[in-house]
Amino acid sequence: MTFQPGSDLDADTVQERVDTAIEENDVVLFMKGNRLMPQCGYSQRALELISQYVEDFETVDVLPAVDEFRDALEAHSGWETTPQTFVEGEFIGGSDILAELDERGELEAKLAGE
């Protein structure tokens, strides 16, 4: 028998979690892993970039149901890759976009919803 991570999470449950996280949080990062243990370099980079400017933000681990999260996030952003950052319901981007915004001195304002 093979282990299938997240097999208990169906597409509807994941869609509801994604919708709720985006609606109820000023800043939310959908990532592989969590704050204490990011599971990919891109997720870790996004976490570090956001953490420079915002203390209180939500993270959602997509690993329990990667395919379902990919579909649910793509419905919101048009992207199927993670990490993905949303601010006040608006898709901002992944770690590369966050890094570009930071280099231009625009990330802090963007995370503040400005």
C-alpha atoms as a PDB file:
ATOM      1  CA  MET A   1       0.000   0.000   0.000  1.00  0.00           C
ATOM      2  CA  THR A   2       1.382   3.394  -0.938  1.00  0.00           C
ATOM      3  CA  PHE A   3       1.035   6.531   1.112  1.00  0.00           C
ATOM      4  CA  GLN A   4      -1.013   9.224  -0.553  1.00  0.00           C
ATOM      5  CA  PRO A   5      -0.637  12.511   1.299  1.00  0.00           C
ATOM      6  CA  GLY A   6      -3.831  14.406   1.773  1.00  0.00           C
ATOM      7  CA  SER A   7      -6.056  11.666   0.470  1.00  0.00           C
ATOM      8  CA  ASP A   8      -8.580  12.711   3.145  1.00  0.00           C
ATOM      9  CA  LEU A   9      -8.870  16.216   1.640  1.00  0.00           C
ATOM     10  CA  ASP A  10     -11.230  16.387  -1.296  1.00  0.00           C
ATOM     11  CA  ALA A  11     -11.326  19.175  -3.870  1.00  0.00           C
ATOM     12  CA  ASP A  12     -14.364  20.868  -2.285  1.00  0.00           C
ATOM     13  CA  THR A  13     -12.740  20.961   1.158  1.00  0.00           C
ATOM     14  CA  VAL A  14      -9.534  22.412  -0.256  1.00  0.00           C
ATOM     15  CA  GLN A  15     -11.444  24.997  -2.316  1.00  0.00           C
ATOM     16  CA  GLU A  16     -13.286  26.084   0.822  1.00  0.00           C
ATOM     17  CA  ARG A  17     -10.012  26.363   2.771  1.00  0.00           C
ATOM     18  CA  VAL A  18      -8.425  28.453   0.020  1.00  0.00           C
ATOM     19  CA  ASP A  19     -11.471  30.736  -0.317  1.00  0.00           C
ATOM     20  CA  THR A  20     -11.689  31.228   3.452  1.00  0.00           C
ATOM     21  CA  ALA A  21      -7.953  31.887   3.894  1.00  0.00           C
ATOM     22  CA  ILE A  22      -7.952  34.513   1.134  1.00  0.00           C
ATOM     23  CA  GLU A  23     -11.124  36.206   2.391  1.00  0.00           C
ATOM     24  CA  GLU A  24     -10.310  36.228   6.113  1.00  0.00           C
ATOM     25  CA  ASN A  25      -6.620  37.221   6.140  1.00  0.00           C
ATOM     26  CA  ASP A  26      -4.957  40.481   5.149  1.00  0.00           C
ATOM     27  CA  VAL A  27      -1.876  38.533   4.021  1.00  0.00           C
ATOM     28  CA  VAL A  28      -1.817  34.810   3.281  1.00  0.00           C
ATOM     29  CA  LEU A  29       0.988  32.685   1.877  1.00  0.00           C
ATOM     30  CA  PHE A  30       0.184  29.317   0.350  1.00  0.00           C
ATOM     31  CA  MET A  31       3.412  27.361   0.631  1.00  0.00           C
ATOM     32  CA  LYS A  32       5.003  23.942   0.852  1.00  0.00           C
ATOM     33  CA  GLY A  33       5.508  23.335   4.556  1.00  0.00           C
ATOM     34  CA  ASN A  34       4.973  25.832   7.345  1.00  0.00           C
ATOM     35  CA  ARG A  35       6.735  28.737   9.047  1.00  0.00           C
ATOM     36  CA  LEU A  36       8.874  26.454  11.186  1.00  0.00           C
ATOM     37  CA  MET A  37       9.724  23.990   8.423  1.00  0.00           C
ATOM     38  CA  PRO A  38       9.414  25.316   4.872  1.00  0.00           C
ATOM     39  CA  GLN A  39       9.684  22.371   2.491  1.00  0.00           C
ATOM     40  CA  CYS A  40      11.098  24.108  -0.567  1.00  0.00           C
ATOM     41  CA  GLY A  41      13.490  26.957  -1.221  1.00  0.00           C
ATOM     42  CA  TYR A  42      10.900  29.096  -2.989  1.00  0.00           C
ATOM     43  CA  SER A  43       8.507  28.807  -0.057  1.00  0.00           C
ATOM     44  CA  GLN A  44      11.290  29.644   2.374  1.00  0.00           C
ATOM     45  CA  ARG A  45      12.277  32.703   0.309  1.00  0.00           C
ATOM     46  CA  ALA A  46       8.677  33.960   0.160  1.00  0.00           C
ATOM     47  CA  LEU A  47       8.331  33.454   3.906  1.00  0.00           C
ATOM     48  CA  GLU A  48      11.534  35.425   4.573  1.00  0.00           C
ATOM     49  CA  LEU A  49      10.506  38.280   2.270  1.00  0.00           C
ATOM     50  CA  ILE A  50       7.066  38.669   3.849  1.00  0.00           C
ATOM     51  CA  SER A  51       8.421  38.294   7.392  1.00  0.00           C
ATOM     52  CA  GLN A  52      10.682  41.340   6.872  1.00  0.00           C
ATOM     53  CA  TYR A  53       7.615  43.596   6.838  1.00  0.00           C
ATOM     54  CA  VAL A  54       4.652  41.725   8.324  1.00  0.00           C
ATOM     55  CA  GLU A  55       4.559  39.837  11.616  1.00  0.00           C
ATOM     56  CA  ASP A  56       0.976  38.657  11.573  1.00  0.00           C
ATOM     57  CA  PHE A  57       0.103  36.721   8.425  1.00  0.00           C
ATOM     58  CA  GLU A  58      -1.403  33.359   7.634  1.00  0.00           C
ATOM     59  CA  THR A  59       0.407  30.451   6.013  1.00  0.00           C
ATOM     60  CA  VAL A  60      -1.300  27.442   4.457  1.00  0.00           C
ATOM     61  CA  ASP A  61       0.606  24.218   3.816  1.00  0.00           C
ATOM     62  CA  VAL A  62      -0.363  22.851   0.394  1.00  0.00           C
ATOM     63  CA  LEU A  63       1.485  19.538   0.821  1.00  0.00           C
ATOM     64  CA  PRO A  64      -1.448  17.586   2.307  1.00  0.00           C
ATOM     65  CA  ALA A  65      -3.273  17.869  -1.047  1.00  0.00           C
ATOM     66  CA  VAL A  66      -0.950  19.383  -3.654  1.00  0.00           C
ATOM     67  CA  ASP A  67      -3.115  18.703  -6.711  1.00  0.00           C
ATOM     68  CA  GLU A  68      -6.291  19.968  -5.069  1.00  0.00           C
ATOM     69  CA  PHE A  69      -4.556  23.125  -3.790  1.00  0.00           C
ATOM     70  CA  ARG A  70      -3.037  23.699  -7.232  1.00  0.00           C
ATOM     71  CA  ASP A  71      -6.495  23.654  -8.832  1.00  0.00           C
ATOM     72  CA  ALA A  72      -8.098  25.803  -6.126  1.00  0.00           C
ATOM     73  CA  LEU A  73      -5.323  28.411  -6.264  1.00  0.00           C
ATOM     74  CA  GLU A  74      -5.318  28.530 -10.048  1.00  0.00           C
ATOM     75  CA  ALA A  75      -9.004  29.503  -9.914  1.00  0.00           C
ATOM     76  CA  HIS A  76      -7.977  32.600  -7.895  1.00  0.00           C
ATOM     77  CA  SER A  77      -4.664  33.531  -9.476  1.00  0.00           C
ATOM     78  CA  GLY A  78      -4.355  31.888 -12.867  1.00  0.00           C
ATOM     79  CA  TRP A  79      -1.142  30.277 -11.569  1.00  0.00           C
ATOM     80  CA  GLU A  80      -0.795  26.653 -10.537  1.00  0.00           C
ATOM     81  CA  THR A  81       2.605  26.884  -8.852  1.00  0.00           C
ATOM     82  CA  THR A  82       3.372  27.605  -5.207  1.00  0.00           C
ATOM     83  CA  PRO A  83       4.188  29.605  -3.231  1.00  0.00           C
ATOM     84  CA  GLN A  84       1.435  32.136  -3.804  1.00  0.00           C
ATOM     85  CA  THR A  85       0.864  35.321  -1.830  1.00  0.00           C
ATOM     86  CA  PHE A  86      -2.447  37.158  -1.520  1.00  0.00           C
ATOM     87  CA  VAL A  87      -2.906  40.574   0.107  1.00  0.00           C
ATOM     88  CA  GLU A  88      -6.431  41.702   0.959  1.00  0.00           C
ATOM     89  CA  GLY A  89      -7.790  39.128  -1.487  1.00  0.00           C
ATOM     90  CA  GLU A  90      -5.523  40.188  -4.362  1.00  0.00           C
ATOM     91  CA  PHE A  91      -2.978  37.793  -5.846  1.00  0.00           C
ATOM     92  CA  ILE A  92       0.498  39.313  -5.586  1.00  0.00           C
ATOM     93  CA  GLY A  93       2.748  36.505  -6.816  1.00  0.00           C
ATOM     94  CA  GLY A  94       5.305  33.922  -5.834  1.00  0.00           C
ATOM     95  CA  SER A  95       8.762  34.313  -4.375  1.00  0.00           C
ATOM     96  CA  ASP A  96      10.218  35.758  -7.580  1.00  0.00           C
ATOM     97  CA  ILE A  97       7.615  38.543  -7.750  1.00  0.00           C
ATOM     98  CA  LEU A  98       8.038  39.261  -4.036  1.00  0.00           C
ATOM     99  CA  ALA A  99      11.809  39.522  -4.531  1.00  0.00           C
ATOM    100  CA  GLU A 100      11.351  41.920  -7.473  1.00  0.00           C
ATOM    101  CA  LEU A 101       8.988  44.096  -5.450  1.00  0.00           C
ATOM    102  CA  ASP A 102      11.456  44.094  -2.558  1.00  0.00           C
ATOM    103  CA  GLU A 103      14.361  45.086  -4.830  1.00  0.00           C
ATOM    104  CA  ARG A 104      12.312  48.026  -6.106  1.00  0.00           C
ATOM    105  CA  GLY A 105      11.392  49.056  -2.549  1.00  0.00           C
ATOM    106  CA  GLU A 106       7.695  48.326  -3.153  1.00  0.00           C
ATOM    107  CA  LEU A 107       7.110  45.136  -1.155  1.00  0.00           C
ATOM    108  CA  GLU A 108       6.400  46.721   2.232  1.00  0.00           C
ATOM    109  CA  ALA A 109       3.681  48.984   0.780  1.00  0.00           C
ATOM    110  CA  LYS A 110       2.228  46.123  -1.279  1.00  0.00           C
ATOM    111  CA  LEU A 111       1.987  43.906   1.809  1.00  0.00           C
ATOM    112  CA  ALA A 112       0.275  46.755   3.644  1.00  0.00           C
ATOM    113  CA  GLY A 113      -2.378  46.797   0.916  1.00  0.00           C
ATOM    114  CA  GLU A 114      -1.273  50.132  -0.533  1.00  0.00           C
END
